[in-house]
Amino acid sequence: MTTLYVSHPSALDHAMPAGHPECPDRIRAVERVLEDERFAGLVRGLAPLADPSVATLVHPVPYVQALIEAAPREGFVQIDGDTLLSPGTIEAALRGVGGAVHAVDAVMKGECRNAFVAMRPPGHHAERMQAMGFCVFNHAAIAARHARETHGATRVALVDWDVHHGNGSQDIFWDDASVLYASTHEMPLYPGTGAASERGNHDTIVNVPLRAGDGSERFREVFEAGILRRLEAFAPDLIVISAGFDAHRLDPLAHIQLDEADFGWATRRVMEVAEKHAGGRVVSVLEGGYSLKGLGLSVSAHMDALMGR
C-alpha cells in the first residue's frame, strides 16, 4: 500500500504574530514525527505552486484576486479577528491548493493508494467569498471539486473530523448533490455552524455535533452511526479527509478529549469504506491541531493507518 506525503517549505513562511496558535511549528511537529524510520516507506513529494485559477474551482475570481492583491510586502494584513496575511501567505496557500490537487491526481491515476497533504494555512473555514478561522483557500473542497472536474468522479465524500465545524466546506457544497460533506465536531464552539438540522439542499450535508467532554467512546459511536452509515450509502468514488487533530485531549482550543488512537481508528474505518466503494482512494488534508505534541502523536497514528499498519 503506497502512501504519498506532500508538503513544502513555504508552509513555514506563512508567518503569524507571536503566540498565534496556527504557527509554523505545527509543520515542524509533523515533519519531526515523519522522520521516524517506520515512515521510510512514504513516497514524498513537494507541493507544486497552483495557478490562482485552480482556487476558482470553489472561490469566485474576485475573491481570489482580492486576497492576492491584499497580501503585504511586510508585516500583516488582518482579514478577521484571527486570520491574517503575511508576505509568505499567498505562496503557502497556493502550494496548499497545489498539493491537494497533486495528491488527487496521484490517487486517481493509481500512482499511489492514498495521500496526506501537510500544508498551512488550513482551509476548511474558508467559504466561497470569505477567509476566516485561520483559513484562506479551501484546499479540501478544491480537491473534491478537482476530482470531479478533471477525473470524472461522480460522487466525492468529504469527511471532516476537525473539532471546529467546517463552515466553509458546508457553504461551498450546500447545493452540490455530487459531494457528501460529513462532519463531526464540538458544539457549541467556533464558528457556530454545524447543527444536525443543517442538511443542504440535497440532503448531502451531514452534521454530527459532539459536546465538550464527550470523549473517545461517544466519538466512535457517532462516527459509526452518523458519518460511516451515510458514507456507505453515498458510495463515493473518492474520499477526501479534512484531517484536523484539535479534538485531541492536549489541544488548547477545544474539549472533546480524544486520544491519537481515535484518529487512527477513524482513518481505518474511512479506508474500509474507500476499499469497498472507491478502490481505496483517500486524500487527507491537514486542517487544525494546535498542541504540538498532540498534533505529532495524532499525525503519527493517522499515517500508520494510511500505510496499512
C-alpha atoms as a PDB file:
ATOM      1  CA  MET A   1       0.000   0.000   0.000  1.00  0.00           C
ATOM      2  CA  THR A   2       1.773   3.156  -1.242  1.00  0.00           C
ATOM      3  CA  THR A   3       1.128   6.384   0.640  1.00  0.00           C
ATOM      4  CA  LEU A   4       2.131   9.775  -0.741  1.00  0.00           C
ATOM      5  CA  TYR A   5       3.186  12.538   1.651  1.00  0.00           C
ATOM      6  CA  VAL A   6       3.068  16.074   0.239  1.00  0.00           C
ATOM      7  CA  SER A   7       4.408  19.239   1.846  1.00  0.00           C
ATOM      8  CA  HIS A   8       6.640  22.214   1.031  1.00  0.00           C
ATOM      9  CA  PRO A   9       8.980  24.541   2.981  1.00  0.00           C
ATOM     10  CA  SER A  10       6.760  27.502   2.063  1.00  0.00           C
ATOM     11  CA  ALA A  11       4.336  26.290   4.742  1.00  0.00           C
ATOM     12  CA  LEU A  12       6.849  27.695   7.240  1.00  0.00           C
ATOM     13  CA  ASP A  13       6.773  31.115   5.565  1.00  0.00           C
ATOM     14  CA  HIS A  14       3.135  31.815   6.397  1.00  0.00           C
ATOM     15  CA  ALA A  15       4.144  33.896   9.413  1.00  0.00           C
ATOM     16  CA  MET A  16       1.826  34.675  12.308  1.00  0.00           C
ATOM     17  CA  PRO A  17       2.235  37.040  15.282  1.00  0.00           C
ATOM     18  CA  ALA A  18       3.894  35.609  18.388  1.00  0.00           C
ATOM     19  CA  GLY A  19       1.528  33.409  20.358  1.00  0.00           C
ATOM     20  CA  HIS A  20      -0.842  32.698  17.456  1.00  0.00           C
ATOM     21  CA  PRO A  21      -1.868  29.014  17.650  1.00  0.00           C
ATOM     22  CA  GLU A  22      -1.715  28.456  13.881  1.00  0.00           C
ATOM     23  CA  CYS A  23       2.069  28.747  13.772  1.00  0.00           C
ATOM     24  CA  PRO A  24       4.899  27.349  11.609  1.00  0.00           C
ATOM     25  CA  ASP A  25       5.903  24.989  14.421  1.00  0.00           C
ATOM     26  CA  ARG A  26       2.848  22.914  13.511  1.00  0.00           C
ATOM     27  CA  ILE A  27       4.540  21.819  10.282  1.00  0.00           C
ATOM     28  CA  ARG A  28       7.817  21.248  12.110  1.00  0.00           C
ATOM     29  CA  ALA A  29       5.964  18.945  14.529  1.00  0.00           C
ATOM     30  CA  VAL A  30       4.592  16.923  11.604  1.00  0.00           C
ATOM     31  CA  GLU A  31       7.990  16.730   9.908  1.00  0.00           C
ATOM     32  CA  ARG A  32       9.702  15.564  13.113  1.00  0.00           C
ATOM     33  CA  VAL A  33       7.273  12.704  13.536  1.00  0.00           C
ATOM     34  CA  LEU A  34       7.631  11.597   9.917  1.00  0.00           C
ATOM     35  CA  GLU A  35      11.417  11.429  10.229  1.00  0.00           C
ATOM     36  CA  ASP A  36      10.953   8.195  12.192  1.00  0.00           C
ATOM     37  CA  GLU A  37      12.297   5.167  10.323  1.00  0.00           C
ATOM     38  CA  ARG A  38       8.903   3.490  10.294  1.00  0.00           C
ATOM     39  CA  PHE A  39       7.794   6.144   7.809  1.00  0.00           C
ATOM     40  CA  ALA A  40      10.716   5.480   5.469  1.00  0.00           C
ATOM     41  CA  GLY A  41       8.314   3.820   3.035  1.00  0.00           C
ATOM     42  CA  LEU A  42       6.425   7.044   2.348  1.00  0.00           C
ATOM     43  CA  VAL A  43       6.631   8.460  -1.147  1.00  0.00           C
ATOM     44  CA  ARG A  44       7.494  12.105  -0.507  1.00  0.00           C
ATOM     45  CA  GLY A  45       6.668  14.956  -2.852  1.00  0.00           C
ATOM     46  CA  LEU A  46       6.796  18.747  -2.862  1.00  0.00           C
ATOM     47  CA  ALA A  47       3.543  20.643  -3.198  1.00  0.00           C
ATOM     48  CA  PRO A  48       3.522  22.449  -6.556  1.00  0.00           C
ATOM     49  CA  LEU A  49       2.512  26.089  -6.812  1.00  0.00           C
ATOM     50  CA  ALA A  50      -1.045  26.150  -8.126  1.00  0.00           C
ATOM     51  CA  ASP A  51      -2.118  28.787 -10.584  1.00  0.00           C
ATOM     52  CA  PRO A  52      -4.646  31.055  -8.843  1.00  0.00           C
ATOM     53  CA  SER A  53      -7.263  29.864 -11.330  1.00  0.00           C
ATOM     54  CA  VAL A  54      -7.287  26.483  -9.562  1.00  0.00           C
ATOM     55  CA  ALA A  55      -8.665  28.142  -6.442  1.00  0.00           C
ATOM     56  CA  THR A  56     -11.592  29.372  -8.550  1.00  0.00           C
ATOM     57  CA  LEU A  57     -12.927  25.816  -8.621  1.00  0.00           C
ATOM     58  CA  VAL A  58     -14.661  26.808  -5.372  1.00  0.00           C
ATOM     59  CA  HIS A  59     -13.914  30.526  -4.871  1.00  0.00           C
ATOM     60  CA  PRO A  60     -15.073  33.308  -7.234  1.00  0.00           C
ATOM     61  CA  VAL A  61     -12.384  35.090  -9.245  1.00  0.00           C
ATOM     62  CA  PRO A  62     -12.858  38.450  -7.443  1.00  0.00           C
ATOM     63  CA  TYR A  63     -12.288  36.775  -4.067  1.00  0.00           C
ATOM     64  CA  VAL A  64      -9.043  35.128  -5.195  1.00  0.00           C
ATOM     65  CA  GLN A  65      -7.791  38.308  -6.825  1.00  0.00           C
ATOM     66  CA  ALA A  66      -8.642  40.426  -3.782  1.00  0.00           C
ATOM     67  CA  LEU A  67      -6.665  38.177  -1.449  1.00  0.00           C
ATOM     68  CA  ILE A  68      -3.628  38.152  -3.731  1.00  0.00           C
ATOM     69  CA  GLU A  69      -3.743  41.941  -4.013  1.00  0.00           C
ATOM     70  CA  ALA A  70      -4.169  42.347  -0.242  1.00  0.00           C
ATOM     71  CA  ALA A  71      -1.028  40.363   0.625  1.00  0.00           C
ATOM     72  CA  PRO A  72       1.537  42.651   2.302  1.00  0.00           C
ATOM     73  CA  ARG A  73       5.189  43.049   1.393  1.00  0.00           C
ATOM     74  CA  GLU A  74       5.964  43.247   5.107  1.00  0.00           C
ATOM     75  CA  GLY A  75       4.058  42.892   8.350  1.00  0.00           C
ATOM     76  CA  PHE A  76       0.496  41.621   8.458  1.00  0.00           C
ATOM     77  CA  VAL A  77      -2.890  42.354   6.925  1.00  0.00           C
ATOM     78  CA  GLN A  78      -5.827  41.452   9.185  1.00  0.00           C
ATOM     79  CA  ILE A  79      -8.705  39.641   7.435  1.00  0.00           C
ATOM     80  CA  ASP A  80     -10.748  38.990  10.559  1.00  0.00           C
ATOM     81  CA  GLY A  81     -10.120  38.637  14.280  1.00  0.00           C
ATOM     82  CA  ASP A  82      -7.793  35.646  13.914  1.00  0.00           C
ATOM     83  CA  THR A  83      -6.996  35.398  10.188  1.00  0.00           C
ATOM     84  CA  LEU A  84      -4.021  37.315   8.822  1.00  0.00           C
ATOM     85  CA  LEU A  85      -1.977  37.570   5.653  1.00  0.00           C
ATOM     86  CA  SER A  86       1.807  37.855   5.804  1.00  0.00           C
ATOM     87  CA  PRO A  87       4.289  38.160   2.909  1.00  0.00           C
ATOM     88  CA  GLY A  88       4.541  34.360   2.642  1.00  0.00           C
ATOM     89  CA  THR A  89       0.842  33.540   2.945  1.00  0.00           C
ATOM     90  CA  ILE A  90      -0.257  33.504  -0.690  1.00  0.00           C
ATOM     91  CA  GLU A  91       2.535  31.207  -1.882  1.00  0.00           C
ATOM     92  CA  ALA A  92       1.906  28.855   1.052  1.00  0.00           C
ATOM     93  CA  ALA A  93      -1.843  28.848   0.400  1.00  0.00           C
ATOM     94  CA  LEU A  94      -1.431  28.278  -3.340  1.00  0.00           C
ATOM     95  CA  ARG A  95       1.004  25.450  -2.653  1.00  0.00           C
ATOM     96  CA  GLY A  96      -1.599  24.049  -0.264  1.00  0.00           C
ATOM     97  CA  VAL A  97      -4.037  24.097  -3.160  1.00  0.00           C
ATOM     98  CA  GLY A  98      -1.402  22.655  -5.489  1.00  0.00           C
ATOM     99  CA  GLY A  99      -0.517  19.918  -3.013  1.00  0.00           C
ATOM    100  CA  ALA A 100      -4.143  18.877  -2.594  1.00  0.00           C
ATOM    101  CA  VAL A 101      -4.716  18.782  -6.359  1.00  0.00           C
ATOM    102  CA  HIS A 102      -1.444  16.906  -6.918  1.00  0.00           C
ATOM    103  CA  ALA A 103      -2.492  14.316  -4.326  1.00  0.00           C
ATOM    104  CA  VAL A 104      -5.855  13.834  -6.030  1.00  0.00           C
ATOM    105  CA  ASP A 105      -4.127  13.404  -9.405  1.00  0.00           C
ATOM    106  CA  ALA A 106      -1.747  10.786  -7.994  1.00  0.00           C
ATOM    107  CA  VAL A 107      -4.504   8.820  -6.263  1.00  0.00           C
ATOM    108  CA  MET A 108      -6.966   8.969  -9.157  1.00  0.00           C
ATOM    109  CA  LYS A 109      -4.283   7.876 -11.635  1.00  0.00           C
ATOM    110  CA  GLY A 110      -3.320   4.934  -9.422  1.00  0.00           C
ATOM    111  CA  GLU A 111       0.196   6.227  -8.754  1.00  0.00           C
ATOM    112  CA  CYS A 112      -0.412   5.770  -5.023  1.00  0.00           C
ATOM    113  CA  ARG A 113      -3.138   4.271  -2.868  1.00  0.00           C
ATOM    114  CA  ASN A 114      -3.716   7.282  -0.654  1.00  0.00           C
ATOM    115  CA  ALA A 115      -2.100  10.579   0.297  1.00  0.00           C
ATOM    116  CA  PHE A 116      -1.621  13.066   3.131  1.00  0.00           C
ATOM    117  CA  VAL A 117      -1.024  16.760   2.413  1.00  0.00           C
ATOM    118  CA  ALA A 118       0.528  18.750   5.266  1.00  0.00           C
ATOM    119  CA  MET A 119       0.447  22.437   4.436  1.00  0.00           C
ATOM    120  CA  ARG A 120      -0.694  25.592   6.165  1.00  0.00           C
ATOM    121  CA  PRO A 121      -2.695  27.772   6.440  1.00  0.00           C
ATOM    122  CA  PRO A 122      -5.575  25.297   6.843  1.00  0.00           C
ATOM    123  CA  GLY A 123      -8.652  25.649   4.675  1.00  0.00           C
ATOM    124  CA  HIS A 124     -11.993  24.271   5.833  1.00  0.00           C
ATOM    125  CA  HIS A 125     -13.326  27.534   7.335  1.00  0.00           C
ATOM    126  CA  ALA A 126     -12.787  29.432   4.057  1.00  0.00           C
ATOM    127  CA  GLU A 127     -16.188  29.993   2.499  1.00  0.00           C
ATOM    128  CA  ARG A 128     -16.770  30.840  -1.151  1.00  0.00           C
ATOM    129  CA  MET A 129     -16.337  34.554  -0.506  1.00  0.00           C
ATOM    130  CA  GLN A 130     -14.871  34.792   2.998  1.00  0.00           C
ATOM    131  CA  ALA A 131     -11.495  33.944   4.542  1.00  0.00           C
ATOM    132  CA  MET A 132     -11.859  33.199   8.243  1.00  0.00           C
ATOM    133  CA  GLY A 133     -10.797  30.919  11.069  1.00  0.00           C
ATOM    134  CA  PHE A 134      -7.094  30.929  10.057  1.00  0.00           C
ATOM    135  CA  CYS A 135      -8.141  29.800   6.526  1.00  0.00           C
ATOM    136  CA  VAL A 136      -7.600  31.467   3.119  1.00  0.00           C
ATOM    137  CA  PHE A 137      -8.363  28.939   0.346  1.00  0.00           C
ATOM    138  CA  ASN A 138     -10.364  25.767   0.992  1.00  0.00           C
ATOM    139  CA  HIS A 139      -7.871  23.108  -0.118  1.00  0.00           C
ATOM    140  CA  ALA A 140     -10.022  20.083   0.713  1.00  0.00           C
ATOM    141  CA  ALA A 141     -13.027  21.496  -1.130  1.00  0.00           C
ATOM    142  CA  ILE A 142     -10.836  22.317  -4.132  1.00  0.00           C
ATOM    143  CA  ALA A 143      -9.508  18.743  -4.065  1.00  0.00           C
ATOM    144  CA  ALA A 144     -13.045  17.352  -4.116  1.00  0.00           C
ATOM    145  CA  ARG A 145     -14.161  19.613  -6.959  1.00  0.00           C
ATOM    146  CA  HIS A 146     -10.965  18.891  -8.922  1.00  0.00           C
ATOM    147  CA  ALA A 147     -11.643  15.149  -8.712  1.00  0.00           C
ATOM    148  CA  ARG A 148     -14.993  15.710 -10.346  1.00  0.00           C
ATOM    149  CA  GLU A 149     -13.940  18.274 -12.947  1.00  0.00           C
ATOM    150  CA  THR A 150     -10.650  16.651 -14.016  1.00  0.00           C
ATOM    151  CA  HIS A 151     -11.041  12.947 -13.286  1.00  0.00           C
ATOM    152  CA  GLY A 152     -14.759  12.475 -13.793  1.00  0.00           C
ATOM    153  CA  ALA A 153     -15.570  11.391 -10.242  1.00  0.00           C
ATOM    154  CA  THR A 154     -19.344  11.400  -9.944  1.00  0.00           C
ATOM    155  CA  ARG A 155     -19.528  11.224  -6.142  1.00  0.00           C
ATOM    156  CA  VAL A 156     -16.900  12.593  -3.779  1.00  0.00           C
ATOM    157  CA  ALA A 157     -17.175  12.427   0.002  1.00  0.00           C
ATOM    158  CA  LEU A 158     -15.507  14.993   2.246  1.00  0.00           C
ATOM    159  CA  VAL A 159     -15.161  13.703   5.824  1.00  0.00           C
ATOM    160  CA  ASP A 160     -14.223  16.368   8.380  1.00  0.00           C
ATOM    161  CA  TRP A 161     -13.238  15.428  11.937  1.00  0.00           C
ATOM    162  CA  ASP A 162     -11.636  18.734  12.894  1.00  0.00           C
ATOM    163  CA  VAL A 163     -13.063  19.783  16.248  1.00  0.00           C
ATOM    164  CA  HIS A 164     -14.337  23.013  14.672  1.00  0.00           C
ATOM    165  CA  HIS A 165     -17.125  22.725  12.113  1.00  0.00           C
ATOM    166  CA  GLY A 166     -16.035  23.246   8.514  1.00  0.00           C
ATOM    167  CA  ASN A 167     -18.448  26.047   7.719  1.00  0.00           C
ATOM    168  CA  GLY A 168     -16.527  26.851   4.541  1.00  0.00           C
ATOM    169  CA  SER A 169     -16.863  23.375   3.073  1.00  0.00           C
ATOM    170  CA  GLN A 170     -20.529  23.309   4.032  1.00  0.00           C
ATOM    171  CA  ASP A 171     -21.086  26.678   2.348  1.00  0.00           C
ATOM    172  CA  ILE A 172     -19.345  25.533  -0.836  1.00  0.00           C
ATOM    173  CA  PHE A 173     -21.202  22.219  -1.164  1.00  0.00           C
ATOM    174  CA  TRP A 174     -24.606  23.233   0.228  1.00  0.00           C
ATOM    175  CA  ASP A 175     -26.211  22.943  -3.213  1.00  0.00           C
ATOM    176  CA  ASP A 176     -23.954  20.261  -4.734  1.00  0.00           C
ATOM    177  CA  ALA A 177     -25.524  16.816  -4.851  1.00  0.00           C
ATOM    178  CA  SER A 178     -22.277  15.246  -6.105  1.00  0.00           C
ATOM    179  CA  VAL A 179     -20.398  15.887  -2.843  1.00  0.00           C
ATOM    180  CA  LEU A 180     -21.273  14.465   0.561  1.00  0.00           C
ATOM    181  CA  TYR A 181     -19.912  16.706   3.323  1.00  0.00           C
ATOM    182  CA  ALA A 182     -19.915  14.848   6.653  1.00  0.00           C
ATOM    183  CA  SER A 183     -18.595  16.461   9.827  1.00  0.00           C
ATOM    184  CA  THR A 184     -18.305  15.589  13.473  1.00  0.00           C
ATOM    185  CA  HIS A 185     -17.233  18.494  15.673  1.00  0.00           C
ATOM    186  CA  GLU A 186     -17.672  20.122  19.060  1.00  0.00           C
ATOM    187  CA  MET A 187     -20.734  22.304  19.512  1.00  0.00           C
ATOM    188  CA  PRO A 188     -21.190  24.951  20.760  1.00  0.00           C
ATOM    189  CA  LEU A 189     -17.811  26.152  19.522  1.00  0.00           C
ATOM    190  CA  TYR A 190     -16.391  28.356  16.776  1.00  0.00           C
ATOM    191  CA  PRO A 191     -17.684  29.036  14.138  1.00  0.00           C
ATOM    192  CA  GLY A 192     -21.185  28.356  15.482  1.00  0.00           C
ATOM    193  CA  THR A 193     -22.442  26.358  12.497  1.00  0.00           C
ATOM    194  CA  GLY A 194     -22.851  22.595  12.186  1.00  0.00           C
ATOM    195  CA  ALA A 195     -26.212  21.768  13.787  1.00  0.00           C
ATOM    196  CA  ALA A 196     -27.706  18.417  12.821  1.00  0.00           C
ATOM    197  CA  SER A 197     -30.575  20.296  11.164  1.00  0.00           C
ATOM    198  CA  GLU A 198     -28.179  21.825   8.589  1.00  0.00           C
ATOM    199  CA  ARG A 199     -28.549  19.308   5.770  1.00  0.00           C
ATOM    200  CA  GLY A 200     -28.057  21.188   2.490  1.00  0.00           C
ATOM    201  CA  ASN A 201     -30.381  21.458  -0.488  1.00  0.00           C
ATOM    202  CA  HIS A 202     -29.892  17.800  -1.460  1.00  0.00           C
ATOM    203  CA  ASP A 203     -29.552  16.181   1.983  1.00  0.00           C
ATOM    204  CA  THR A 204     -25.815  15.755   1.314  1.00  0.00           C
ATOM    205  CA  ILE A 205     -24.666  17.783   4.339  1.00  0.00           C
ATOM    206  CA  VAL A 206     -24.260  15.583   7.426  1.00  0.00           C
ATOM    207  CA  ASN A 207     -23.505  17.204  10.772  1.00  0.00           C
ATOM    208  CA  VAL A 208     -22.996  15.102  13.896  1.00  0.00           C
ATOM    209  CA  PRO A 209     -22.099  17.504  16.705  1.00  0.00           C
ATOM    210  CA  LEU A 210     -20.417  16.433  19.926  1.00  0.00           C
ATOM    211  CA  ARG A 211     -20.428  18.152  23.309  1.00  0.00           C
ATOM    212  CA  ALA A 212     -17.428  19.168  25.378  1.00  0.00           C
ATOM    213  CA  GLY A 213     -16.043  16.172  27.254  1.00  0.00           C
ATOM    214  CA  ASP A 214     -17.798  13.514  25.163  1.00  0.00           C
ATOM    215  CA  GLY A 215     -14.548  11.572  24.713  1.00  0.00           C
ATOM    216  CA  SER A 216     -13.490   8.532  22.707  1.00  0.00           C
ATOM    217  CA  GLU A 217     -16.442   6.220  23.242  1.00  0.00           C
ATOM    218  CA  ARG A 218     -19.028   8.799  22.209  1.00  0.00           C
ATOM    219  CA  PHE A 219     -16.900   9.954  19.247  1.00  0.00           C
ATOM    220  CA  ARG A 220     -16.637   6.426  17.888  1.00  0.00           C
ATOM    221  CA  GLU A 221     -20.333   5.803  18.453  1.00  0.00           C
ATOM    222  CA  VAL A 222     -21.490   8.856  16.489  1.00  0.00           C
ATOM    223  CA  PHE A 223     -18.839   8.387  13.818  1.00  0.00           C
ATOM    224  CA  GLU A 224     -20.128   4.872  13.166  1.00  0.00           C
ATOM    225  CA  ALA A 225     -23.814   5.718  13.285  1.00  0.00           C
ATOM    226  CA  GLY A 226     -23.788   9.196  11.811  1.00  0.00           C
ATOM    227  CA  ILE A 227     -20.802   9.505   9.477  1.00  0.00           C
ATOM    228  CA  LEU A 228     -19.923   5.999   8.266  1.00  0.00           C
ATOM    229  CA  ARG A 229     -23.527   4.971   7.677  1.00  0.00           C
ATOM    230  CA  ARG A 230     -24.069   7.918   5.337  1.00  0.00           C
ATOM    231  CA  LEU A 231     -20.673   7.402   3.736  1.00  0.00           C
ATOM    232  CA  GLU A 232     -21.558   3.788   2.903  1.00  0.00           C
ATOM    233  CA  ALA A 233     -24.912   4.790   1.431  1.00  0.00           C
ATOM    234  CA  PHE A 234     -23.308   7.510  -0.706  1.00  0.00           C
ATOM    235  CA  ALA A 235     -20.756   5.055  -2.197  1.00  0.00           C
ATOM    236  CA  PRO A 236     -18.163   7.662  -3.168  1.00  0.00           C
ATOM    237  CA  ASP A 237     -15.570   7.397  -5.940  1.00  0.00           C
ATOM    238  CA  LEU A 238     -13.047   9.244  -3.740  1.00  0.00           C
ATOM    239  CA  ILE A 239     -12.900  10.206  -0.074  1.00  0.00           C
ATOM    240  CA  VAL A 240     -11.210  13.441   0.970  1.00  0.00           C
ATOM    241  CA  ILE A 241     -10.486  13.895   4.680  1.00  0.00           C
ATOM    242  CA  SER A 242     -10.298  17.291   6.336  1.00  0.00           C
ATOM    243  CA  ALA A 243      -7.866  15.961   8.931  1.00  0.00           C
ATOM    244  CA  GLY A 244      -7.932  18.287  11.894  1.00  0.00           C
ATOM    245  CA  PHE A 245      -6.389  16.926  15.079  1.00  0.00           C
ATOM    246  CA  ASP A 246      -7.590  19.585  17.529  1.00  0.00           C
ATOM    247  CA  ALA A 247     -10.059  17.227  19.192  1.00  0.00           C
ATOM    248  CA  HIS A 248      -7.023  15.655  20.889  1.00  0.00           C
ATOM    249  CA  ARG A 249      -7.123  15.889  24.691  1.00  0.00           C
ATOM    250  CA  LEU A 250      -3.936  18.005  24.728  1.00  0.00           C
ATOM    251  CA  ASP A 251      -5.305  20.667  22.384  1.00  0.00           C
ATOM    252  CA  PRO A 252      -5.813  24.115  23.933  1.00  0.00           C
ATOM    253  CA  LEU A 253      -8.708  25.190  21.686  1.00  0.00           C
ATOM    254  CA  ALA A 254     -11.317  22.509  22.354  1.00  0.00           C
ATOM    255  CA  HIS A 255     -12.619  19.958  24.834  1.00  0.00           C
ATOM    256  CA  ILE A 256     -13.611  16.676  23.149  1.00  0.00           C
ATOM    257  CA  GLN A 257     -10.766  14.758  24.848  1.00  0.00           C
ATOM    258  CA  LEU A 258      -9.826  12.288  22.124  1.00  0.00           C
ATOM    259  CA  ASP A 259      -6.596  10.283  22.015  1.00  0.00           C
ATOM    260  CA  GLU A 260      -4.393   9.721  18.976  1.00  0.00           C
ATOM    261  CA  ALA A 261      -5.735   6.157  18.780  1.00  0.00           C
ATOM    262  CA  ASP A 262      -9.150   7.588  17.910  1.00  0.00           C
ATOM    263  CA  PHE A 263      -7.744   9.265  14.807  1.00  0.00           C
ATOM    264  CA  GLY A 264      -6.058   6.032  13.768  1.00  0.00           C
ATOM    265  CA  TRP A 265      -9.335   4.189  14.247  1.00  0.00           C
ATOM    266  CA  ALA A 266     -11.335   6.785  12.283  1.00  0.00           C
ATOM    267  CA  THR A 267      -8.783   6.660   9.456  1.00  0.00           C
ATOM    268  CA  ARG A 268      -9.057   2.876   9.202  1.00  0.00           C
ATOM    269  CA  ARG A 269     -12.847   2.980   9.214  1.00  0.00           C
ATOM    270  CA  VAL A 270     -12.889   5.558   6.409  1.00  0.00           C
ATOM    271  CA  MET A 271     -10.364   3.448   4.493  1.00  0.00           C
ATOM    272  CA  GLU A 272     -12.664   0.425   4.792  1.00  0.00           C
ATOM    273  CA  VAL A 273     -15.428   2.369   3.046  1.00  0.00           C
ATOM    274  CA  ALA A 274     -12.927   3.553   0.434  1.00  0.00           C
ATOM    275  CA  GLU A 275     -11.822  -0.032  -0.227  1.00  0.00           C
ATOM    276  CA  LYS A 276     -15.410  -1.077  -0.764  1.00  0.00           C
ATOM    277  CA  HIS A 277     -16.578   1.777  -2.985  1.00  0.00           C
ATOM    278  CA  ALA A 278     -13.621   3.898  -4.154  1.00  0.00           C
ATOM    279  CA  GLY A 279     -10.810   1.499  -4.968  1.00  0.00           C
ATOM    280  CA  GLY A 280      -9.120   2.531  -1.709  1.00  0.00           C
ATOM    281  CA  ARG A 281      -8.730   6.139  -2.887  1.00  0.00           C
ATOM    282  CA  VAL A 282      -8.289   8.541   0.051  1.00  0.00           C
ATOM    283  CA  VAL A 283      -6.738  12.023   0.095  1.00  0.00           C
ATOM    284  CA  SER A 284      -6.186  13.544   3.539  1.00  0.00           C
ATOM    285  CA  VAL A 285      -5.549  17.270   4.004  1.00  0.00           C
ATOM    286  CA  LEU A 286      -4.232  18.758   7.241  1.00  0.00           C
ATOM    287  CA  GLU A 287      -6.583  21.184   8.968  1.00  0.00           C
ATOM    288  CA  GLY A 288      -6.283  22.087  12.681  1.00  0.00           C
ATOM    289  CA  GLY A 289      -4.302  20.770  15.617  1.00  0.00           C
ATOM    290  CA  TYR A 290      -2.692  23.270  17.974  1.00  0.00           C
ATOM    291  CA  SER A 291      -0.966  21.206  20.642  1.00  0.00           C
ATOM    292  CA  LEU A 292       2.348  20.400  19.014  1.00  0.00           C
ATOM    293  CA  LYS A 293       2.666  17.181  20.995  1.00  0.00           C
ATOM    294  CA  GLY A 294      -0.938  16.187  20.323  1.00  0.00           C
ATOM    295  CA  LEU A 295      -0.549  17.016  16.643  1.00  0.00           C
ATOM    296  CA  GLY A 296       2.576  14.883  16.323  1.00  0.00           C
ATOM    297  CA  LEU A 297       1.001  11.918  18.069  1.00  0.00           C
ATOM    298  CA  SER A 298      -2.174  12.197  16.003  1.00  0.00           C
ATOM    299  CA  VAL A 299      -0.406  12.531  12.652  1.00  0.00           C
ATOM    300  CA  SER A 300       1.704   9.502  13.531  1.00  0.00           C
ATOM    301  CA  ALA A 301      -1.424   7.431  14.205  1.00  0.00           C
ATOM    302  CA  HIS A 302      -3.099   8.757  11.053  1.00  0.00           C
ATOM    303  CA  MET A 303      -0.125   7.904   8.881  1.00  0.00           C
ATOM    304  CA  ASP A 304       0.258   4.455  10.408  1.00  0.00           C
ATOM    305  CA  ALA A 305      -3.312   3.773   9.369  1.00  0.00           C
ATOM    306  CA  LEU A 306      -2.892   5.188   5.866  1.00  0.00           C
ATOM    307  CA  MET A 307       0.185   2.996   5.398  1.00  0.00           C
ATOM    308  CA  GLY A 308      -1.783  -0.100   6.380  1.00  0.00           C
ATOM    309  CA  ARG A 309      -0.376  -0.675   9.847  1.00  0.00           C
END
